[in-house]
Protein backbone atom coordinates (compact mmCIF):
# COMPACT_ATOMS: atom_id res chain seq x y z
CA MET A 1 73.34 21.92 -21.81
CA THR A 2 75.70 18.80 -21.35
CA ALA A 3 74.19 17.18 -18.47
CA GLY A 4 70.82 17.38 -20.38
CA ALA A 5 72.04 15.69 -22.99
CA ASN A 6 73.52 13.09 -21.38
CA ALA A 7 70.48 12.51 -19.49
CA THR A 8 68.53 12.39 -23.07
CA THR A 9 70.64 9.97 -24.23
CA ILE A 10 70.37 8.21 -21.28
CA ASN A 11 66.66 8.25 -20.85
CA SER A 12 66.26 6.67 -25.05
CA ALA A 13 69.29 3.83 -24.43
CA MET A 14 66.39 3.01 -21.46
CA ASN A 15 63.71 3.21 -23.34
CA SER A 16 65.11 1.27 -26.48
CA ALA A 17 66.48 -1.31 -24.15
CA ALA A 18 63.09 -2.56 -22.11
CA ASN A 19 61.80 -2.22 -26.26
CA ASN A 20 64.43 -4.76 -27.37
CA ALA A 21 63.99 -6.77 -23.92
CA VAL A 22 59.79 -6.85 -24.33
CA ASN A 23 60.59 -7.40 -28.50
CA GLY A 24 62.85 -10.24 -27.30
CA ALA A 25 60.38 -11.87 -25.05
CA VAL A 26 57.55 -12.00 -27.76
CA SER A 27 59.98 -13.27 -29.93
CA SER A 28 60.77 -15.95 -27.46
CA VAL A 29 57.69 -16.82 -26.87
CA GLN A 30 56.66 -16.54 -30.86
CA GLY A 31 59.58 -19.06 -30.99
CA ARG A 32 58.04 -21.20 -28.76
CA LEU A 33 55.21 -21.74 -29.86
CA GLN A 34 55.52 -21.73 -33.61
CA SER A 35 58.16 -24.42 -32.61
CA PHE A 36 55.85 -26.19 -30.62
CA LEU A 37 53.19 -26.64 -32.91
CA THR A 38 55.41 -27.48 -35.96
CA ARG A 39 56.64 -30.45 -33.79
CA LEU A 40 52.55 -31.65 -33.26
CA SER A 41 51.14 -33.54 -35.94
CA SER A 42 47.64 -33.01 -37.72
CA GLN A 43 45.15 -35.10 -34.97
CA GLN A 44 47.66 -33.42 -32.40
CA LYS A 45 46.54 -30.31 -33.99
CA ILE A 46 42.87 -31.31 -33.94
CA GLY A 47 42.81 -32.50 -30.21
CA LEU A 48 44.70 -29.10 -28.74
CA MET A 49 41.93 -26.80 -30.65
CA LEU A 50 38.83 -29.02 -29.84
CA THR A 51 39.84 -29.20 -26.01
CA VAL A 52 41.24 -25.32 -25.78
CA SER A 53 37.82 -24.55 -27.28
CA SER A 54 35.80 -26.79 -25.13
CA VAL A 55 37.16 -24.62 -22.15
CA VAL A 56 37.02 -21.12 -23.92
CA ALA A 57 33.21 -22.37 -24.08
CA LEU A 58 32.84 -23.87 -20.88
CA LEU A 59 34.47 -20.57 -19.26
CA ALA A 60 31.86 -17.79 -20.99
CA ALA A 61 28.79 -20.38 -20.49
CA GLY A 62 29.16 -20.38 -16.53
CA TRP A 63 29.98 -16.24 -16.69
CA MET A 64 27.48 -15.44 -18.50
CA TRP A 65 25.00 -18.05 -16.21
CA THR A 66 26.39 -16.04 -13.11
CA GLN A 67 26.18 -12.59 -14.69
CA GLY A 68 22.25 -13.78 -16.10
CA PRO A 69 20.34 -11.21 -14.85
CA ASP A 70 17.20 -11.38 -12.58
CA TYR A 71 13.74 -11.70 -13.86
CA LYS A 72 11.33 -9.95 -11.99
CA VAL A 73 7.51 -9.44 -13.13
CA LEU A 74 6.72 -7.03 -15.32
CA PHE A 75 2.53 -6.86 -15.75
CA SER A 76 0.62 -10.25 -14.78
CA ASN A 77 -3.11 -11.47 -15.57
CA VAL A 78 -3.18 -8.69 -18.60
CA SER A 79 -5.37 -9.89 -21.90
CA ASP A 80 -4.96 -11.02 -24.92
CA GLY A 81 -4.20 -8.41 -26.76
CA ASP A 82 -2.73 -6.11 -24.44
CA GLY A 83 0.03 -9.09 -24.23
CA GLY A 84 0.20 -9.02 -27.83
CA ALA A 85 0.94 -5.52 -27.86
CA ILE A 86 3.06 -5.24 -24.88
CA ILE A 87 5.49 -8.32 -26.37
CA ALA A 88 5.21 -5.87 -29.35
CA SER A 89 6.78 -2.70 -27.92
CA LEU A 90 9.01 -5.28 -26.33
CA GLN A 91 10.26 -6.07 -28.85
CA GLN A 92 10.92 -2.57 -30.85
CA MET A 93 12.61 -1.19 -27.54
CA ASN A 94 14.59 -4.11 -27.43
CA VAL A 95 14.00 -5.45 -23.99
CA PRO A 96 14.61 -9.22 -23.10
CA TYR A 97 11.57 -10.57 -22.15
CA LYS A 98 10.15 -14.52 -21.17
CA PHE A 99 7.08 -15.36 -19.22
CA ALA A 100 6.08 -17.47 -16.03
CA GLU A 101 4.76 -20.72 -16.04
CA GLY A 102 1.76 -20.64 -17.90
CA GLY A 103 2.01 -17.62 -19.70
CA GLY A 104 0.67 -15.70 -16.43
CA ALA A 105 3.20 -12.70 -16.38
CA ILE A 106 6.03 -11.54 -18.21
CA LEU A 107 9.43 -11.03 -16.52
CA VAL A 108 11.72 -8.62 -17.55
CA PRO A 109 15.28 -8.12 -16.04
CA SER A 110 14.87 -6.59 -12.63
CA SER A 111 17.38 -3.61 -13.42
CA GLN A 112 15.14 -2.21 -16.43
CA VAL A 113 11.71 -2.80 -14.77
CA HIS A 114 10.00 0.81 -13.64
CA ASP A 115 11.88 2.12 -17.01
CA THR A 116 9.73 -0.22 -19.21
CA ARG A 117 6.51 0.49 -17.05
CA LEU A 118 6.74 4.11 -17.83
CA LYS A 119 7.58 3.38 -21.38
CA LEU A 120 4.65 1.30 -21.90
CA ALA A 121 2.19 3.85 -19.67
CA SER A 122 3.78 5.99 -22.37
CA GLN A 123 2.44 4.28 -24.77
CA GLY A 124 -1.35 3.95 -23.12
CA LEU A 125 -0.33 0.28 -22.21
CA PRO A 126 -1.91 -1.80 -20.76
CA ARG A 127 -4.80 -1.00 -21.87
CA GLY A 128 -7.06 -3.49 -19.78
CA GLY A 129 -9.19 -3.62 -22.20
CA LEU A 130 -11.19 -0.71 -21.80
CA VAL A 131 -12.29 2.04 -23.95
CA GLY A 132 -12.39 5.51 -22.43
CA PHE A 133 -13.21 9.04 -24.37
CA GLU A 134 -10.01 8.51 -26.88
CA LEU A 135 -13.06 6.52 -28.50
CA MET A 136 -14.19 9.97 -29.34
CA GLU A 137 -11.08 10.73 -30.97
CA ASN A 138 -11.77 8.30 -34.27
CA GLN A 139 -15.48 9.18 -35.20
CA LYS A 140 -16.00 8.96 -38.39
CA PHE A 141 -17.75 11.72 -40.47
CA GLY A 142 -21.38 10.58 -41.62
CA THR A 143 -21.99 8.88 -37.68
CA SER A 144 -25.26 9.49 -36.71
CA GLN A 145 -26.30 10.82 -33.14
CA PHE A 146 -27.37 7.65 -32.25
CA LEU A 147 -24.03 6.74 -32.86
CA GLU A 148 -22.38 9.06 -31.28
CA GLN A 149 -24.60 8.80 -28.10
CA VAL A 150 -23.23 4.71 -27.47
CA ASN A 151 -19.80 5.49 -28.07
CA PHE A 152 -20.34 8.71 -25.35
CA GLN A 153 -21.55 6.16 -23.06
CA ARG A 154 -19.17 3.62 -24.00
CA ALA A 155 -16.40 5.88 -23.12
CA LEU A 156 -17.59 7.06 -19.98
CA GLU A 157 -18.48 3.80 -18.53
CA GLY A 158 -14.08 2.94 -19.75
CA GLU A 159 -13.71 6.07 -17.57
CA LEU A 160 -15.82 5.06 -14.68
CA ALA A 161 -14.15 1.91 -14.43
CA ARG A 162 -10.73 2.89 -14.59
CA SER A 163 -11.39 5.23 -11.41
CA VAL A 164 -13.17 2.36 -9.44
CA GLN A 165 -9.95 0.34 -10.65
CA ALA A 166 -7.73 2.16 -9.25
CA LEU A 167 -8.56 1.81 -5.73
CA ALA A 168 -6.04 -0.51 -3.86
CA ALA A 169 -8.67 -3.67 -3.35
CA VAL A 170 -9.91 -3.78 -6.71
CA ASP A 171 -8.55 -6.01 -9.22
CA SER A 172 -10.57 -4.93 -12.24
CA ALA A 173 -14.16 -3.35 -12.15
CA ARG A 174 -16.43 -2.95 -15.40
CA VAL A 175 -19.69 -0.58 -15.09
CA HIS A 176 -23.06 -0.40 -16.70
CA LEU A 177 -24.79 2.80 -17.81
CA ALA A 178 -28.24 3.19 -18.24
CA ILE A 179 -29.25 6.35 -19.40
CA PRO A 180 -32.36 7.00 -20.51
CA LYS A 181 -33.84 9.25 -23.71
CA GLN A 182 -33.90 12.73 -22.36
CA SER A 183 -37.65 14.43 -22.65
CA VAL A 184 -39.22 17.67 -23.04
CA PHE A 185 -42.07 16.15 -20.73
CA MET A 186 -41.88 16.03 -17.05
CA ARG A 187 -43.90 13.42 -16.75
CA GLU A 188 -42.40 11.66 -18.90
CA GLN A 189 -38.45 11.82 -17.89
CA GLN A 190 -36.58 8.55 -16.08
CA LYS A 191 -34.17 8.62 -14.05
CA PRO A 192 -31.00 7.21 -14.82
CA SER A 193 -29.37 4.02 -12.98
CA ALA A 194 -25.90 2.31 -13.13
CA SER A 195 -24.06 -1.07 -12.27
CA VAL A 196 -20.67 -1.45 -10.86
CA LEU A 197 -18.82 -5.00 -10.91
CA VAL A 198 -15.82 -5.46 -9.19
CA ASN A 199 -13.12 -8.28 -9.14
CA LEU A 200 -11.34 -7.51 -5.95
CA TYR A 201 -7.89 -9.23 -5.46
CA PRO A 202 -7.29 -12.53 -3.18
CA GLY A 203 -7.88 -11.70 0.68
CA ARG A 204 -9.22 -8.49 0.02
CA ALA A 205 -12.35 -7.04 0.35
CA LEU A 206 -14.09 -3.05 0.41
CA ASP A 207 -15.69 -1.86 4.23
CA PRO A 208 -18.77 0.17 3.63
CA GLN A 209 -16.66 3.34 3.46
CA GLN A 210 -15.57 2.00 0.37
CA VAL A 211 -18.25 1.23 -1.46
CA ASN A 212 -20.41 4.86 -0.27
CA ALA A 213 -17.12 6.03 -2.47
CA ILE A 214 -17.48 4.39 -5.04
CA VAL A 215 -21.45 5.08 -4.91
CA HIS A 216 -21.07 8.87 -4.99
CA LEU A 217 -17.72 8.47 -7.15
CA VAL A 218 -20.53 6.76 -10.13
CA SER A 219 -23.15 8.96 -9.12
CA SER A 220 -21.44 12.30 -9.24
CA SER A 221 -20.18 11.68 -12.93
CA VAL A 222 -23.07 11.05 -14.62
CA PRO A 223 -25.74 13.65 -14.79
CA ASN A 224 -29.62 12.93 -12.37
CA LEU A 225 -28.01 10.02 -11.33
CA HIS A 226 -29.37 8.88 -7.67
CA VAL A 227 -26.90 7.63 -4.85
CA LYS A 228 -29.95 4.77 -4.52
CA ASN A 229 -30.15 3.92 -8.13
CA VAL A 230 -26.46 2.79 -7.86
CA THR A 231 -25.62 -1.08 -7.38
CA ILE A 232 -22.94 -2.18 -6.39
CA VAL A 233 -21.65 -6.35 -6.82
CA ASP A 234 -18.52 -8.15 -6.05
CA GLN A 235 -17.29 -10.90 -8.21
CA GLN A 236 -18.86 -13.43 -5.96
CA GLY A 237 -22.08 -12.48 -6.60
CA ASP A 238 -22.92 -10.13 -3.03
CA LEU A 239 -24.51 -7.17 -3.07
CA LEU A 240 -22.11 -4.00 -1.10
CA THR A 241 -24.60 -2.07 -1.73
CA ARG A 242 -27.25 -3.61 1.14
CA ILE A 243 -24.75 -3.30 3.65
CA ASP A 244 -25.08 0.85 3.50
CA GLU A 245 -28.90 0.69 3.21
CA SER A 246 -28.55 -1.46 6.65
CA ASN A 247 -26.43 0.55 8.17
CA ALA A 248 -28.92 3.44 7.43
CA ASN A 249 -31.73 1.50 8.82
CA THR A 250 -30.01 0.54 12.10
CA GLY A 251 -28.48 3.17 12.64
CA LEU A 252 -24.63 1.89 12.74
CA ASP A 253 -21.79 3.53 11.32
CA PRO A 254 -18.56 2.40 11.02
CA ALA A 255 -16.92 5.87 11.75
CA GLN A 256 -19.19 5.43 15.71
CA LEU A 257 -17.40 2.20 16.04
CA LYS A 258 -14.02 3.39 15.26
CA TYR A 259 -14.43 6.04 17.31
CA LEU A 260 -15.95 3.79 20.17
CA HIS A 261 -13.14 1.74 20.15
CA ALA A 262 -10.67 4.29 20.20
CA LEU A 263 -11.93 5.60 23.37
CA GLU A 264 -12.22 2.32 25.26
CA GLN A 265 -8.20 2.01 23.93
CA SER A 266 -8.28 5.79 25.24
CA TYR A 267 -9.44 5.03 29.07
CA ILE A 268 -7.33 1.85 28.73
CA LYS A 269 -4.17 3.51 28.42
CA ARG A 270 -4.69 5.91 31.28
CA ILE A 271 -4.92 3.49 34.13
CA GLU A 272 -2.41 1.27 32.56
CA ALA A 273 -0.10 4.35 32.11
CA ILE A 274 -0.87 5.20 36.26
CA LEU A 275 -0.47 1.93 36.98
CA ILE A 276 2.30 0.04 35.89
CA PRO A 277 4.68 1.89 37.62
CA ILE A 278 3.46 0.92 40.87
CA VAL A 279 2.83 -2.58 39.90
CA GLY A 280 4.82 -3.11 37.04
CA GLN A 281 4.52 -3.56 33.28
CA GLU A 282 3.13 -7.56 33.18
CA ASN A 283 1.03 -6.88 36.24
CA VAL A 284 -2.20 -5.44 35.46
CA ARG A 285 -4.89 -5.73 32.69
CA ALA A 286 -7.75 -3.61 32.10
CA GLN A 287 -10.71 -3.15 29.96
CA VAL A 288 -13.66 -0.83 29.85
CA ALA A 289 -17.03 -0.90 28.08
CA ALA A 290 -18.54 3.06 27.09
CA GLU A 291 -22.45 3.42 26.22
CA VAL A 292 -21.84 6.49 23.88
CA ASP A 293 -24.52 8.59 23.32
CA PHE A 294 -25.04 8.88 19.37
CA ALA A 295 -27.88 10.81 19.09
CA HIS A 296 -28.53 13.91 17.66
CA SER A 297 -31.57 15.97 19.58
CA GLU A 298 -32.07 19.23 19.37
CA GLN A 299 -34.76 20.85 22.04
CA THR A 300 -36.63 24.25 22.02
CA SER A 301 -38.70 24.83 24.69
CA GLU A 302 -40.84 28.36 25.86
CA THR A 303 -42.42 29.14 29.23
CA TYR A 304 -44.25 31.44 30.24
CA ARG A 305 -44.71 32.55 34.27
CA PRO A 306 -46.51 34.91 36.50
CA ASN A 307 -45.79 37.36 38.27
CA GLN A 308 -44.55 37.58 41.22
CA ASP A 309 -44.02 40.40 42.55
CA PRO A 310 -47.19 42.69 40.91
CA ALA A 311 -45.97 46.02 42.45
CA GLY A 312 -42.94 45.60 40.89
CA SER A 313 -44.59 44.52 37.40
CA THR A 314 -44.36 45.71 34.40
CA ILE A 315 -46.96 47.27 32.36
CA ARG A 316 -47.21 46.61 29.08
CA SER A 317 -50.22 48.70 27.19
CA GLN A 318 -52.96 50.85 29.27
CA GLN A 319 -56.35 51.71 27.47
CA THR A 320 -58.95 54.08 29.17
CA SER A 321 -61.85 55.11 27.44
CA GLU A 322 -65.20 57.47 28.76
CA SER A 323 -68.60 58.48 27.13
CA THR A 324 -71.87 60.58 27.79
CA SER A 325 -74.67 60.68 25.81
CA VAL A 326 -78.09 63.28 26.29
CA GLY A 327 -80.94 61.20 25.43
CA THR A 328 -84.37 63.29 24.39
CA GLN A 329 -88.17 61.67 26.81
CA ASN A 330 -90.26 60.79 24.55
CA GLU A 331 -93.95 60.61 25.03
CA GLY A 332 -96.07 57.99 24.75
CA GLY A 333 -99.70 56.31 25.89
CA VAL A 334 -102.52 55.22 24.79
CA PRO A 335 -103.49 56.93 22.30
CA GLY A 336 -106.58 59.97 22.99
CA ALA A 337 -106.09 63.22 24.78
CA LEU A 338 -104.72 61.94 28.29
CA SER A 339 -102.05 60.32 26.58
CA ASN A 340 -100.93 62.99 25.13
CA GLN A 341 -100.76 64.91 28.89
CA PRO A 342 -97.57 64.61 29.87
CA PRO A 343 -97.16 63.28 33.83
CA VAL A 344 -97.70 65.38 36.95
CA PRO A 345 -94.29 65.85 38.18
CA ALA A 346 -93.19 63.81 41.28
CA THR A 347 -93.45 65.87 44.38
CA ALA A 348 -90.09 64.53 46.61
CA PRO A 349 -88.17 63.58 43.88
CA VAL A 350 -84.85 61.36 43.89
CA THR A 351 -82.25 63.71 42.53
CA THR A 352 -81.90 67.18 41.92
CA PRO A 353 -82.11 68.17 38.26
CA PRO A 354 -79.33 69.66 36.76
CA PRO A 355 -80.04 72.99 36.14
CA VAL A 356 -81.08 73.62 33.22
CA PRO A 357 -78.79 75.92 30.82
CA PRO A 358 -79.59 79.50 29.60
CA GLY A 359 -81.37 78.95 26.38
CA ALA A 360 -82.67 75.80 26.91
CA THR A 361 -86.34 75.08 27.43
CA THR A 362 -88.11 73.70 29.82
CA SER A 363 -89.19 70.07 27.40
CA GLN A 364 -85.04 70.36 26.92
CA SER A 365 -83.57 70.24 30.19
CA ARG A 366 -85.79 67.23 31.60
CA ALA A 367 -83.95 65.35 28.92
CA PRO A 368 -82.13 62.58 30.76
CA SER A 369 -78.66 61.70 30.29
CA SER A 370 -75.86 58.67 30.88
CA THR A 371 -71.92 57.98 31.35
CA ARG A 372 -69.65 55.70 30.63
CA LYS A 373 -66.04 54.84 31.85
CA ASP A 374 -63.72 51.95 30.10
CA ALA A 375 -59.99 50.94 31.48
CA THR A 376 -58.13 48.34 29.52
CA LEU A 377 -54.69 47.75 31.41
CA ASN A 378 -51.98 44.65 30.15
CA TYR A 379 -49.20 43.92 32.28
CA GLU A 380 -45.65 42.07 30.73
CA VAL A 381 -46.00 38.48 31.78
CA ASP A 382 -42.70 36.46 32.41
CA LYS A 383 -41.39 34.38 29.29
CA THR A 384 -38.12 31.72 28.79
CA ILE A 385 -37.13 30.61 25.26
CA GLN A 386 -34.88 27.32 25.61
CA HIS A 387 -32.49 26.46 22.94
CA VAL A 388 -30.59 22.75 23.52
CA ARG A 389 -28.51 20.65 21.38
CA LYS A 390 -26.88 18.24 22.91
CA PRO A 391 -23.68 17.07 21.98
CA VAL A 392 -22.66 13.77 19.90
CA GLY A 393 -20.79 11.41 21.24
CA GLY A 394 -21.46 11.86 25.35
CA ILE A 395 -20.97 9.12 27.08
CA LYS A 396 -23.49 7.50 29.50
CA ARG A 397 -22.38 5.24 31.27
CA LEU A 398 -18.73 3.71 32.04
CA SER A 399 -18.22 0.21 33.12
CA VAL A 400 -14.63 -0.66 34.17
CA ALA A 401 -12.75 -3.81 35.18
CA VAL A 402 -9.38 -4.28 36.40
CA VAL A 403 -6.50 -6.87 37.41
CA VAL A 404 -4.30 -6.40 39.28
CA ASN A 405 -1.77 -9.47 40.08
CA HIS A 406 0.00 -10.09 43.70
CA ARG A 407 2.91 -8.55 44.79
CA LYS A 408 6.34 -10.35 44.21
CA VAL A 409 8.34 -10.69 47.32
CA VAL A 410 11.75 -11.62 47.90
CA ASP A 411 12.70 -13.41 51.68
CA GLU A 412 16.25 -13.35 52.88
CA ASN A 413 17.00 -17.57 51.04
CA GLY A 414 16.05 -15.15 47.33
CA VAL A 415 12.90 -17.10 47.20
CA VAL A 416 10.42 -15.37 45.53
CA SER A 417 6.73 -15.65 46.18
CA ALA A 418 3.60 -13.79 45.34
CA LYS A 419 1.70 -11.80 47.91
CA PRO A 420 -1.77 -10.59 47.64
CA LEU A 421 -2.29 -6.56 47.82
CA SER A 422 -3.20 -5.17 50.93
CA GLU A 423 -6.73 -3.64 51.79
CA VAL A 424 -4.59 -0.11 51.98
CA GLU A 425 -3.57 -1.25 48.41
CA LYS A 426 -6.29 -1.55 46.67
CA SER A 427 -8.28 1.49 48.05
CA GLN A 428 -5.51 3.48 46.50
CA ILE A 429 -5.68 1.53 43.18
CA THR A 430 -9.50 1.95 43.00
CA ASP A 431 -9.16 5.55 43.88
CA LEU A 432 -6.67 5.97 40.99
CA VAL A 433 -8.21 4.87 38.69
CA LYS A 434 -11.31 6.64 39.63
CA GLU A 435 -9.66 9.93 38.74
CA ALA A 436 -7.92 8.67 35.49
CA VAL A 437 -11.61 7.73 33.90
CA GLY A 438 -13.86 10.12 36.08
CA PHE A 439 -15.66 8.08 37.55
CA SER A 440 -19.32 9.45 38.21
CA ARG A 441 -21.51 7.01 40.36
CA GLU A 442 -24.79 10.05 38.93
CA ARG A 443 -24.01 8.79 35.51
CA GLY A 444 -24.19 5.12 36.74
CA ASP A 445 -20.56 4.28 35.92
CA THR A 446 -19.24 1.35 37.79
CA LEU A 447 -15.47 0.19 38.70
CA ASN A 448 -14.17 -3.23 39.93
CA VAL A 449 -10.63 -4.08 40.57
CA VAL A 450 -8.85 -7.26 41.70
CA ASN A 451 -6.30 -8.48 42.90
CA SER A 452 -5.32 -12.46 41.84
CA HIS A 453 -2.44 -14.27 41.08
CA PHE A 454 -1.43 -14.03 37.26
CA THR A 455 -0.86 -17.40 35.77
CA GLY A 456 2.05 -17.65 33.92
CA VAL A 457 0.70 -18.60 30.27
CA GLU A 458 4.37 -19.86 29.05
CA ARG A 459 5.18 -18.86 25.53
CA GLU A 460 5.69 -21.67 22.86
CA ALA A 461 8.63 -21.36 21.01
CA ALA A 462 8.64 -21.07 17.60
CA PRO A 463 10.52 -23.65 15.72
CA GLU A 464 13.48 -22.27 14.12
CA LEU A 465 13.89 -23.30 10.46
CA PRO A 466 16.74 -25.46 9.75
CA LEU A 467 19.84 -23.93 8.08
CA TRP A 468 18.94 -25.43 5.23
CA LYS A 469 15.27 -23.85 5.06
CA GLN A 470 16.29 -20.14 5.58
CA PRO A 471 16.18 -18.40 2.58
CA GLU A 472 19.52 -16.12 3.52
CA ALA A 473 20.98 -20.13 3.44
CA VAL A 474 19.29 -21.47 0.03
CA GLU A 475 20.18 -17.93 -2.05
CA LEU A 476 24.09 -18.13 -0.67
CA ALA A 477 24.26 -22.52 -1.46
CA GLN A 478 22.70 -21.43 -4.68
CA GLN A 479 25.30 -19.18 -5.16
CA ILE A 480 28.43 -21.16 -4.26
CA GLY A 481 27.03 -23.88 -6.17
CA LYS A 482 27.12 -22.31 -9.29
CA THR A 483 31.05 -21.18 -8.23
CA LEU A 484 32.06 -24.65 -7.46
CA LEU A 485 30.15 -25.53 -10.14
CA ILE A 486 32.12 -23.78 -12.86
CA GLY A 487 35.71 -24.25 -10.69
CA GLY A 488 34.77 -27.70 -10.85
CA LEU A 489 34.08 -27.92 -14.71
CA ILE A 490 37.28 -25.19 -15.10
CA LEU A 491 39.52 -28.18 -13.09
CA TYR A 492 38.31 -30.67 -14.55
CA LEU A 493 39.18 -29.42 -18.45
CA VAL A 494 42.65 -28.28 -17.18
CA LEU A 495 43.78 -31.69 -15.54
CA GLY A 496 41.39 -34.25 -16.69
CA VAL A 497 41.42 -33.31 -20.63
CA LEU A 498 44.43 -30.03 -21.34
CA ARG A 499 46.96 -31.33 -19.35
CA PRO A 500 47.20 -35.01 -19.89
CA SER A 501 46.89 -33.33 -24.16
CA LEU A 502 49.62 -31.22 -23.17
CA GLN A 503 51.88 -33.88 -22.04
CA ARG A 504 51.38 -36.11 -24.71
CA ILE A 505 51.84 -34.24 -27.11
CA ASN A 506 55.14 -32.44 -25.19
CA GLN A 507 56.43 -36.38 -24.98
CA PRO A 508 59.71 -36.79 -26.96
CA GLU A 509 59.84 -39.33 -30.17
CA PRO A 510 62.20 -41.73 -30.25
CA PRO A 511 65.12 -40.39 -32.32
CA LEU A 512 66.38 -41.70 -35.54
CA LEU A 513 69.99 -42.05 -36.47
CA THR A 514 70.88 -40.71 -39.65
CA GLU A 515 73.47 -42.69 -42.25
CA SER A 516 76.94 -42.72 -41.40
CA ARG A 517 79.63 -42.91 -43.69
CA ASN A 518 83.58 -44.08 -43.17
CA ASP A 519 86.16 -44.86 -45.95
CA ASP A 520 85.99 -48.55 -45.20
CA GLN A 521 82.40 -49.28 -44.96
CA ASP A 522 79.29 -48.27 -45.43
CA VAL A 523 77.19 -47.99 -42.34
CA GLN A 524 73.03 -48.39 -43.13
CA PRO A 525 70.43 -46.69 -40.76
CA VAL A 526 69.15 -48.48 -37.80
CA PRO A 527 65.97 -48.29 -36.66
CA ALA A 528 65.65 -46.78 -33.16
CA LEU A 529 65.05 -48.74 -30.06
CA LYS A 530 61.94 -47.26 -28.05
CA PRO A 531 63.54 -46.64 -24.61
CA ALA A 532 61.28 -47.37 -21.43
CA ALA A 533 59.13 -44.75 -19.82
CA GLN A 534 62.28 -42.73 -17.80
CA PRO A 535 61.50 -39.81 -15.09
CA SER A 536 64.25 -37.92 -17.34
CA GLU A 537 65.41 -37.36 -20.96
CA TYR A 538 69.16 -37.34 -20.39
CA GLU A 539 68.64 -40.94 -18.95
CA GLN A 540 65.95 -41.87 -21.47
CA ARG A 541 69.30 -41.02 -23.88
CA LEU A 542 72.01 -41.99 -21.57
CA THR A 543 69.88 -46.09 -21.77
CA LEU A 544 69.34 -46.03 -25.16
CA ALA A 545 73.18 -45.38 -25.70
CA ARG A 546 74.11 -48.06 -23.84
CA GLN A 547 71.57 -50.14 -25.33
CA LEU A 548 72.72 -49.11 -28.91
CA ALA A 549 76.57 -50.08 -27.82
CA LYS A 550 75.98 -53.88 -27.00
CA LYS A 551 74.08 -54.01 -30.05
CA GLU A 552 76.11 -52.46 -32.79
CA PRO A 553 79.85 -51.54 -30.77
CA LYS A 554 80.73 -51.54 -34.62
CA LEU A 555 78.46 -48.77 -35.34
CA VAL A 556 79.21 -46.98 -31.68
CA ALA A 557 83.09 -47.48 -32.52
CA ASN A 558 82.14 -45.11 -36.03
CA VAL A 559 80.78 -42.67 -34.23
CA VAL A 560 83.48 -41.88 -31.99
CA LYS A 561 86.43 -42.42 -34.28
CA GLN A 562 83.86 -39.75 -36.44
CA TRP A 563 83.81 -37.65 -32.67
CA VAL A 564 87.84 -37.53 -32.38
CA ALA A 565 88.59 -37.39 -36.33
CA GLY A 566 86.20 -33.37 -36.14
CA HIS A 567 88.02 -32.14 -32.14
CA GLU A 568 91.20 -32.61 -33.90
C-alpha cells in the first residue's frame, strides 16, 4: 500500500508540475503579448491589425483557390425550359453550378456530376422538349374524343422521338404521324404514314442497317403502318430511306459486303501466316479478290427415262377382256315369193358348221357368232425427281496476288545485300499459297507470285511536342504556378509588410529622465537626446550616458551621489 501511495503521489506531483509549467508558459506568453500591446500606440495597433488581417485573408483566398472544385459539364445544349428547371433543382439540392462561355452548358463540380444526373433523372429532367404518355395523366374532365385522340397522337410521337434519340449517333429527333380516321368501309380505309427528322451529332452518320432499324421501330409502333410509308430525313435535308430502296433495287447489302471483306481478309491472313515464318515479318504482301455468289437459287427437276431392260421391267397394271356374241340370220330380198325363200346351201362349205345343240331348231343352228379378246399391259417407267438448293455465299472465283521481298544475305565482311529467290523457292511459295487458299483451276482461280525488292519507306518521325505544349507539363506548370504565386504573396506580406511593421513597433523609444532632487538644488527635467542608430541597445544607452555626462556634469554627479548614498 505504501508503494502504491508513493507512486500515486509521484504521478500527481508530475501532473501538477506539468500543468504548472504549461500554465506558466501560457501566462508568460500572455504577459509578453500584453506588454507588447501596451507599448503600441493606437495607430500602430490599427496598422498591426490591418497587416494581420490582410495576411489571413490572402492565405484563406489562396487555400480556397487551390482547393476549389473542378467543374465539369452536367448537360449541354439544353432548351431554355429545361435549363430553368435544372437550375431550380440544383438550387434546391444546394449544388454549386456555373455556365460555360455562351451559356451552352451547365457545369457542376466533377465529384457531383453523376449523383446530380441521377437525381435530375428521377425528376424527369431534362425533358428535351418532348412530351410522352405523361400527357395522358393530366386529362381534364369533359375532354372531347377529338382532343383525346390528338393528345394520344402527341404522346405517341414524343415516345417514338425519345426512342430514336436513344441511338448513339442521334442528338435529337422529331416524329410526325399522319393517322387517318378509321372507317367501317374497306374501300374508304387509308393507311397511316410517318416522317422522322433526325439531328445527328457532328461527324456521325447512320448506316443503312440503322436506317432500317428506325423504319421498323416506327412501323411496329403504329397499327397498320407499312414500312414503305415511313420516311427518314436528316438535318441536312437528305432522304435516308432512299438508300434502302436503292439497295433493294440493285441487290446490294451491307451485310454481304462485310462478309466479302471478311472472307478476303481471312485468305490474306492465311497466306501471311504460312509465309512469314519463311521470309520474315515485313517481307511479304498479299491481296485476294473474291467473287462470291449471293444469289438464292432453288431448282426442281423431274426426268423420265425408258426402261433399259425389258425383261426385267416391272408391270404396273394388266387388263384382259374377252367377249363372244351369237347373232340371228335375217332373211331379206326383193319383196315377193322368191325373196322370202331361204338361199340354197353351198355345196362346199368353207367352215364346218358347229353342231346343233340338242333342242335347237334348224334355223337357230344356222345363226352366225363372233368372239373378241382385249389385253392391256402397263409397265413402270423410270422417273427421277431432283430438288437442288445452292448455298448462298459460295465462292465463284479467287484472284490472288503475292509479292515477296528479296532475301537478305550477309557476306563475310558483314555487308548486307538483297538476293532474289531461286526458282525452286518461288515454286515452293506458289504451292504453299495454292494449298492455303484452296486453289481450284476448274473454278477459274488465278495466282500470281512475284519476287521483288521492297523499297523501304522512310517514315517521317512525328515532331514531338515541346515540353511547354504537352498537356501534362501545362497542368503541372499551372499547379506549380499557383503554389509559387501563393508562396510569393505570403513571403511578400511577411517580409515586406509584417516584418518592417514589427521592427518599427519594437524599436525602443528614447528614455526620458525624471526629476531628481537633492538637498542643495532642484534638478529640472532634461529632454532625452535621440541616440544614433546602433546595433545594440546597450551601446545606445552607453552613448546616451556619455553625451549626457559631457553636457550636464552636475546632474550626473548628483545621480552618482544618490546611488552611493543609497548603497550605504
